């Protein structure tokens, strides 16, 4: 099996999201998107880590959960993340914006993914 790792960029900002594209050895096999149920016509599904690998390493998480997504759901999920996940927060005591710790960011990504799944279920 071959893996190709792609980094996605939005407006020149690297969100640190990595996607692995999986090519099956059996070209007749079909894979299904775990969100919408779409079967891949090109015999590959994009494996998306719910939390970016770099962030899981910083947070000390040993493994990051991954799901197989079609390109449409993956694009929608990245747009959802850009609206729902923030790496900075405002501290009213110091009156400054601060970077959020990695363990909080892991929770933020996981919560954003769960809310995306709920949103997609309501849209069906």
N, C-alpha and C. Protein backbone atom coordinates (compact mmCIF):
# COMPACT_ATOMS: atom_id res chain seq x y z
N UNK A 1 0.84 -1.17 0.00
CA UNK A 1 0.00 0.00 0.00
C UNK A 1 0.89 1.24 0.00
N UNK A 2 0.44 2.23 -0.71
CA UNK A 2 1.19 3.48 -0.78
C UNK A 2 0.43 4.58 -0.06
N UNK A 3 1.17 5.49 0.58
CA UNK A 3 0.57 6.62 1.28
C UNK A 3 1.20 7.89 0.77
N UNK A 4 0.41 8.86 0.52
CA UNK A 4 0.88 10.18 0.11
C UNK A 4 0.36 11.17 1.14
N UNK A 5 1.25 11.93 1.74
CA UNK A 5 0.85 12.90 2.76
C UNK A 5 0.76 14.27 2.12
N UNK A 6 -0.37 14.93 2.30
CA UNK A 6 -0.60 16.26 1.76
C UNK A 6 -0.82 17.23 2.91
N UNK A 7 -0.32 18.44 2.79
CA UNK A 7 -0.64 19.49 3.75
C UNK A 7 -1.61 20.44 3.08
N UNK A 8 -2.65 20.81 3.79
CA UNK A 8 -3.65 21.70 3.24
C UNK A 8 -3.41 23.11 3.73
N UNK A 9 -3.55 24.06 2.83
CA UNK A 9 -3.35 25.45 3.16
C UNK A 9 -4.61 26.23 2.82
N UNK A 10 -4.95 27.22 3.61
CA UNK A 10 -6.10 28.06 3.36
C UNK A 10 -5.64 29.51 3.48
N UNK A 11 -5.69 30.25 2.39
CA UNK A 11 -5.25 31.65 2.38
C UNK A 11 -3.83 31.81 2.89
N UNK A 12 -2.96 30.84 2.56
CA UNK A 12 -1.57 30.94 2.95
C UNK A 12 -1.30 30.57 4.40
N UNK A 13 -2.31 30.19 5.15
CA UNK A 13 -2.12 29.82 6.55
C UNK A 13 -2.10 28.30 6.65
N UNK A 14 -1.03 27.75 7.19
CA UNK A 14 -0.94 26.31 7.39
C UNK A 14 -1.63 25.97 8.70
N UNK A 15 -2.73 25.26 8.63
CA UNK A 15 -3.46 24.89 9.83
C UNK A 15 -2.89 23.62 10.46
N UNK A 16 -1.83 23.10 9.88
CA UNK A 16 -1.22 21.91 10.46
C UNK A 16 -2.03 20.65 10.26
N UNK A 17 -2.99 20.67 9.39
CA UNK A 17 -3.84 19.52 9.15
C UNK A 17 -3.15 18.62 8.12
N UNK A 18 -2.98 17.39 8.44
CA UNK A 18 -2.39 16.47 7.48
C UNK A 18 -3.44 15.46 7.05
N UNK A 19 -3.37 15.12 5.79
CA UNK A 19 -4.30 14.15 5.22
C UNK A 19 -3.48 13.08 4.54
N UNK A 20 -3.82 11.85 4.77
CA UNK A 20 -3.14 10.77 4.08
C UNK A 20 -4.10 10.20 3.06
N UNK A 21 -3.63 10.08 1.85
CA UNK A 21 -4.46 9.54 0.78
C UNK A 21 -4.08 8.08 0.59
N UNK A 22 -5.05 7.23 0.70
CA UNK A 22 -4.80 5.80 0.68
C UNK A 22 -5.20 5.21 -0.66
N UNK A 23 -4.26 4.56 -1.32
CA UNK A 23 -4.53 3.89 -2.59
C UNK A 23 -4.62 2.39 -2.30
N UNK A 24 -5.74 1.80 -2.63
CA UNK A 24 -5.93 0.37 -2.37
C UNK A 24 -5.14 -0.46 -3.36
N UNK A 25 -4.68 -1.62 -2.90
CA UNK A 25 -4.03 -2.55 -3.80
C UNK A 25 -5.05 -3.21 -4.71
N UNK A 26 -6.25 -3.39 -4.22
CA UNK A 26 -7.34 -3.99 -5.00
C UNK A 26 -8.14 -2.86 -5.64
N UNK A 27 -7.91 -2.56 -6.93
CA UNK A 27 -8.59 -1.43 -7.56
C UNK A 27 -10.09 -1.62 -7.71
N UNK A 28 -10.60 -2.84 -7.53
CA UNK A 28 -12.03 -3.05 -7.66
C UNK A 28 -12.75 -2.79 -6.34
N UNK A 29 -12.00 -2.73 -5.25
CA UNK A 29 -12.60 -2.49 -3.95
C UNK A 29 -13.06 -1.05 -3.83
N UNK A 30 -14.12 -0.82 -3.09
CA UNK A 30 -14.62 0.54 -2.89
C UNK A 30 -14.57 0.86 -1.42
N UNK A 31 -14.31 2.10 -1.14
CA UNK A 31 -14.30 2.57 0.24
C UNK A 31 -15.42 3.57 0.41
N UNK A 32 -15.94 3.69 1.61
CA UNK A 32 -17.08 4.54 1.88
C UNK A 32 -16.71 5.65 2.84
N UNK A 33 -17.17 6.85 2.56
CA UNK A 33 -16.95 8.00 3.44
C UNK A 33 -17.67 7.74 4.76
N UNK A 34 -16.98 7.96 5.87
CA UNK A 34 -17.56 7.68 7.18
C UNK A 34 -18.58 8.73 7.61
N UNK A 35 -18.70 9.82 6.86
CA UNK A 35 -19.69 10.85 7.21
C UNK A 35 -20.92 10.75 6.32
N UNK A 36 -20.73 10.81 5.01
CA UNK A 36 -21.88 10.86 4.10
C UNK A 36 -22.23 9.51 3.47
N UNK A 37 -21.33 8.53 3.57
CA UNK A 37 -21.60 7.23 2.99
C UNK A 37 -21.27 7.11 1.51
N UNK A 38 -20.68 8.16 0.93
CA UNK A 38 -20.32 8.15 -0.50
C UNK A 38 -19.24 7.11 -0.75
N UNK A 39 -19.42 6.30 -1.80
CA UNK A 39 -18.39 5.33 -2.18
C UNK A 39 -17.44 6.00 -3.15
N UNK A 40 -16.15 5.78 -2.93
CA UNK A 40 -15.12 6.39 -3.76
C UNK A 40 -15.14 5.79 -5.15
N UNK A 41 -15.19 6.65 -6.16
CA UNK A 41 -15.14 6.19 -7.54
C UNK A 41 -13.71 6.01 -8.02
N UNK A 42 -12.76 6.59 -7.32
CA UNK A 42 -11.37 6.55 -7.74
C UNK A 42 -10.54 5.61 -6.86
N UNK A 43 -11.19 4.76 -6.11
CA UNK A 43 -10.56 3.72 -5.30
C UNK A 43 -9.63 4.27 -4.23
N UNK A 44 -9.93 5.43 -3.74
CA UNK A 44 -9.18 5.91 -2.59
C UNK A 44 -10.09 6.76 -1.72
N UNK A 45 -9.75 6.77 -0.47
CA UNK A 45 -10.46 7.59 0.50
C UNK A 45 -9.38 8.35 1.26
N UNK A 46 -9.67 9.56 1.66
CA UNK A 46 -8.68 10.37 2.36
C UNK A 46 -8.81 10.11 3.86
N UNK A 47 -7.73 9.68 4.47
CA UNK A 47 -7.70 9.42 5.90
C UNK A 47 -7.39 10.72 6.62
N UNK A 48 -8.33 11.19 7.42
CA UNK A 48 -8.17 12.46 8.13
C UNK A 48 -8.00 12.20 9.62
N UNK A 49 -6.95 12.78 10.21
CA UNK A 49 -6.77 12.69 11.66
C UNK A 49 -7.65 13.75 12.31
N UNK A 50 -8.47 13.35 13.25
CA UNK A 50 -9.40 14.27 13.90
C UNK A 50 -8.64 15.41 14.59
N UNK A 51 -7.51 15.10 15.15
CA UNK A 51 -6.63 16.10 15.76
C UNK A 51 -5.32 16.03 14.99
N UNK A 52 -4.78 17.17 14.54
CA UNK A 52 -3.51 17.14 13.80
C UNK A 52 -2.43 16.37 14.57
N UNK A 53 -1.64 15.57 13.85
CA UNK A 53 -0.62 14.75 14.47
C UNK A 53 0.36 15.57 15.31
N UNK A 54 0.75 16.73 14.79
CA UNK A 54 1.70 17.58 15.50
C UNK A 54 1.15 17.98 16.87
N UNK A 55 -0.14 18.25 16.91
CA UNK A 55 -0.78 18.68 18.16
C UNK A 55 -0.89 17.52 19.14
N UNK A 56 -1.18 16.32 18.64
CA UNK A 56 -1.26 15.16 19.54
C UNK A 56 0.10 14.87 20.16
N UNK A 57 1.17 15.06 19.39
CA UNK A 57 2.52 14.86 19.94
C UNK A 57 2.80 15.87 21.05
N UNK A 58 2.47 17.14 20.80
CA UNK A 58 2.70 18.18 21.81
C UNK A 58 1.88 17.93 23.07
N UNK A 59 0.69 17.38 22.91
CA UNK A 59 -0.20 17.13 24.05
C UNK A 59 0.13 15.82 24.75
N UNK A 60 1.03 15.03 24.18
CA UNK A 60 1.41 13.76 24.79
C UNK A 60 0.42 12.65 24.54
N UNK A 61 -0.40 12.78 23.51
CA UNK A 61 -1.37 11.74 23.15
C UNK A 61 -0.66 10.76 22.23
N UNK A 62 -0.75 9.47 22.55
CA UNK A 62 0.01 8.48 21.80
C UNK A 62 -0.53 8.24 20.39
N UNK A 63 -1.84 8.25 20.22
CA UNK A 63 -2.42 7.99 18.89
C UNK A 63 -3.54 8.98 18.63
N UNK A 64 -3.65 9.34 17.36
CA UNK A 64 -4.72 10.24 16.92
C UNK A 64 -5.72 9.42 16.12
N UNK A 65 -6.99 9.55 16.45
CA UNK A 65 -8.03 8.83 15.70
C UNK A 65 -8.11 9.38 14.29
N UNK A 66 -8.35 8.49 13.33
CA UNK A 66 -8.46 8.89 11.93
C UNK A 66 -9.74 8.31 11.34
N UNK A 67 -10.30 9.02 10.38
CA UNK A 67 -11.51 8.58 9.70
C UNK A 67 -11.29 8.69 8.20
N UNK A 68 -11.96 7.84 7.43
CA UNK A 68 -11.91 7.90 5.97
C UNK A 68 -13.00 8.82 5.46
N UNK A 69 -12.60 9.87 4.73
CA UNK A 69 -13.56 10.86 4.24
C UNK A 69 -13.42 11.07 2.74
N UNK A 70 -14.56 11.39 2.11
CA UNK A 70 -14.52 11.80 0.70
C UNK A 70 -14.01 13.24 0.65
N UNK A 71 -13.61 13.70 -0.51
CA UNK A 71 -13.04 15.05 -0.62
C UNK A 71 -14.05 16.14 -0.27
N UNK A 72 -15.33 15.92 -0.55
CA UNK A 72 -16.34 16.92 -0.23
C UNK A 72 -16.49 17.09 1.29
N UNK A 73 -16.62 15.98 2.00
CA UNK A 73 -16.75 16.05 3.47
C UNK A 73 -15.48 16.59 4.10
N UNK A 74 -14.33 16.24 3.54
CA UNK A 74 -13.07 16.74 4.08
C UNK A 74 -12.99 18.26 3.94
N UNK A 75 -13.37 18.79 2.78
CA UNK A 75 -13.37 20.24 2.58
C UNK A 75 -14.34 20.93 3.54
N UNK A 76 -15.52 20.33 3.72
CA UNK A 76 -16.51 20.89 4.65
C UNK A 76 -15.98 20.86 6.08
N UNK A 77 -15.29 19.78 6.44
CA UNK A 77 -14.74 19.67 7.79
C UNK A 77 -13.67 20.72 8.04
N UNK A 78 -12.80 20.97 7.06
CA UNK A 78 -11.77 22.01 7.22
C UNK A 78 -12.41 23.39 7.37
N UNK A 79 -13.46 23.64 6.62
CA UNK A 79 -14.16 24.92 6.76
C UNK A 79 -14.79 25.01 8.15
N UNK A 80 -15.35 23.90 8.63
CA UNK A 80 -15.94 23.85 9.97
C UNK A 80 -14.88 24.13 11.03
N UNK A 81 -13.73 23.46 10.91
CA UNK A 81 -12.63 23.68 11.86
C UNK A 81 -12.20 25.15 11.86
N UNK A 82 -12.12 25.76 10.69
CA UNK A 82 -11.66 27.16 10.63
C UNK A 82 -12.64 28.10 11.34
N UNK A 83 -13.91 27.70 11.44
CA UNK A 83 -14.91 28.51 12.14
C UNK A 83 -15.02 28.17 13.62
N UNK A 84 -14.70 26.94 14.00
CA UNK A 84 -14.98 26.47 15.36
C UNK A 84 -13.76 26.31 16.27
N UNK A 85 -12.57 26.14 15.68
CA UNK A 85 -11.37 25.85 16.48
C UNK A 85 -10.46 27.07 16.50
N UNK A 86 -10.15 27.52 17.70
CA UNK A 86 -9.28 28.68 17.87
C UNK A 86 -8.09 28.29 18.74
N UNK A 87 -6.90 28.68 18.31
CA UNK A 87 -5.71 28.33 19.09
C UNK A 87 -5.31 29.41 20.08
N UNK A 88 -6.07 30.49 20.13
CA UNK A 88 -5.79 31.53 21.12
C UNK A 88 -7.07 31.82 21.91
N UNK A 89 -6.88 32.32 23.11
CA UNK A 89 -8.02 32.72 23.92
C UNK A 89 -7.67 34.01 24.65
N UNK A 90 -8.68 34.71 25.07
CA UNK A 90 -8.48 35.98 25.77
C UNK A 90 -8.52 35.72 27.27
N UNK A 91 -7.51 36.21 27.96
CA UNK A 91 -7.45 36.10 29.42
C UNK A 91 -7.86 37.44 30.01
N UNK A 92 -9.05 37.52 30.62
CA UNK A 92 -9.51 38.81 31.15
C UNK A 92 -8.67 39.31 32.34
N UNK A 93 -8.01 38.40 33.05
CA UNK A 93 -7.17 38.83 34.17
C UNK A 93 -5.97 39.63 33.69
N UNK A 94 -5.28 39.09 32.66
CA UNK A 94 -4.08 39.78 32.15
C UNK A 94 -4.41 40.73 31.01
N UNK A 95 -5.66 40.63 30.50
CA UNK A 95 -6.12 41.43 29.37
C UNK A 95 -5.22 41.22 28.14
N UNK A 96 -4.92 39.95 27.90
CA UNK A 96 -4.08 39.57 26.76
C UNK A 96 -4.63 38.31 26.10
N UNK A 97 -4.29 38.18 24.82
CA UNK A 97 -4.58 36.94 24.11
C UNK A 97 -3.40 36.00 24.33
N UNK A 98 -3.71 34.73 24.57
CA UNK A 98 -2.67 33.75 24.83
C UNK A 98 -2.94 32.49 24.02
N UNK A 99 -1.86 31.81 23.67
CA UNK A 99 -2.01 30.52 22.98
C UNK A 99 -2.58 29.50 23.96
N UNK A 100 -3.49 28.71 23.44
CA UNK A 100 -4.10 27.68 24.28
C UNK A 100 -3.15 26.49 24.38
N UNK A 101 -3.12 25.82 25.53
CA UNK A 101 -2.26 24.65 25.70
C UNK A 101 -2.70 23.51 24.77
N UNK A 102 -1.74 22.65 24.37
CA UNK A 102 -2.06 21.55 23.45
C UNK A 102 -3.21 20.65 23.91
N UNK A 103 -3.29 20.33 25.21
CA UNK A 103 -4.36 19.43 25.66
C UNK A 103 -5.74 20.08 25.49
N UNK A 104 -5.82 21.41 25.62
CA UNK A 104 -7.10 22.10 25.36
C UNK A 104 -7.43 22.07 23.87
N UNK A 105 -6.41 22.19 23.04
CA UNK A 105 -6.64 22.17 21.59
C UNK A 105 -7.12 20.79 21.13
N UNK A 106 -6.59 19.74 21.72
CA UNK A 106 -7.05 18.38 21.40
C UNK A 106 -8.54 18.28 21.70
N UNK A 107 -8.94 18.74 22.87
CA UNK A 107 -10.36 18.71 23.23
C UNK A 107 -11.20 19.56 22.28
N UNK A 108 -10.65 20.71 21.86
CA UNK A 108 -11.35 21.61 20.95
C UNK A 108 -11.61 20.94 19.60
N UNK A 109 -10.57 20.28 19.05
CA UNK A 109 -10.73 19.58 17.77
C UNK A 109 -11.74 18.44 17.88
N UNK A 110 -11.65 17.67 18.94
CA UNK A 110 -12.58 16.55 19.12
C UNK A 110 -14.02 17.04 19.25
N UNK A 111 -14.23 18.11 20.00
CA UNK A 111 -15.58 18.68 20.15
C UNK A 111 -16.09 19.23 18.82
N UNK A 112 -15.20 19.88 18.06
CA UNK A 112 -15.59 20.42 16.75
C UNK A 112 -15.98 19.30 15.80
N UNK A 113 -15.25 18.18 15.83
CA UNK A 113 -15.59 17.05 14.97
C UNK A 113 -16.95 16.47 15.36
N UNK A 114 -17.20 16.31 16.65
CA UNK A 114 -18.50 15.78 17.10
C UNK A 114 -19.64 16.71 16.68
N UNK A 115 -19.43 18.01 16.81
CA UNK A 115 -20.50 18.94 16.41
C UNK A 115 -20.70 18.92 14.89
N UNK A 116 -19.63 18.68 14.13
CA UNK A 116 -19.75 18.58 12.67
C UNK A 116 -20.57 17.36 12.29
N UNK A 117 -20.33 16.24 12.96
CA UNK A 117 -21.09 15.01 12.70
C UNK A 117 -22.57 15.25 13.00
N UNK A 118 -22.87 15.88 14.11
CA UNK A 118 -24.27 16.18 14.46
C UNK A 118 -24.91 17.09 13.42
N UNK A 119 -24.17 18.10 12.97
CA UNK A 119 -24.66 19.00 11.95
C UNK A 119 -24.98 18.24 10.66
N UNK A 120 -24.07 17.36 10.24
CA UNK A 120 -24.28 16.60 9.00
C UNK A 120 -25.48 15.65 9.13
N UNK A 121 -25.69 15.08 10.31
CA UNK A 121 -26.84 14.19 10.51
C UNK A 121 -28.16 14.96 10.36
N UNK A 122 -28.18 16.21 10.86
CA UNK A 122 -29.40 17.02 10.72
C UNK A 122 -29.63 17.43 9.28
N UNK A 123 -28.59 17.53 8.49
CA UNK A 123 -28.71 17.97 7.09
C UNK A 123 -29.24 16.88 6.19
N UNK A 124 -29.18 15.63 6.63
CA UNK A 124 -29.60 14.50 5.79
C UNK A 124 -31.07 14.36 5.75
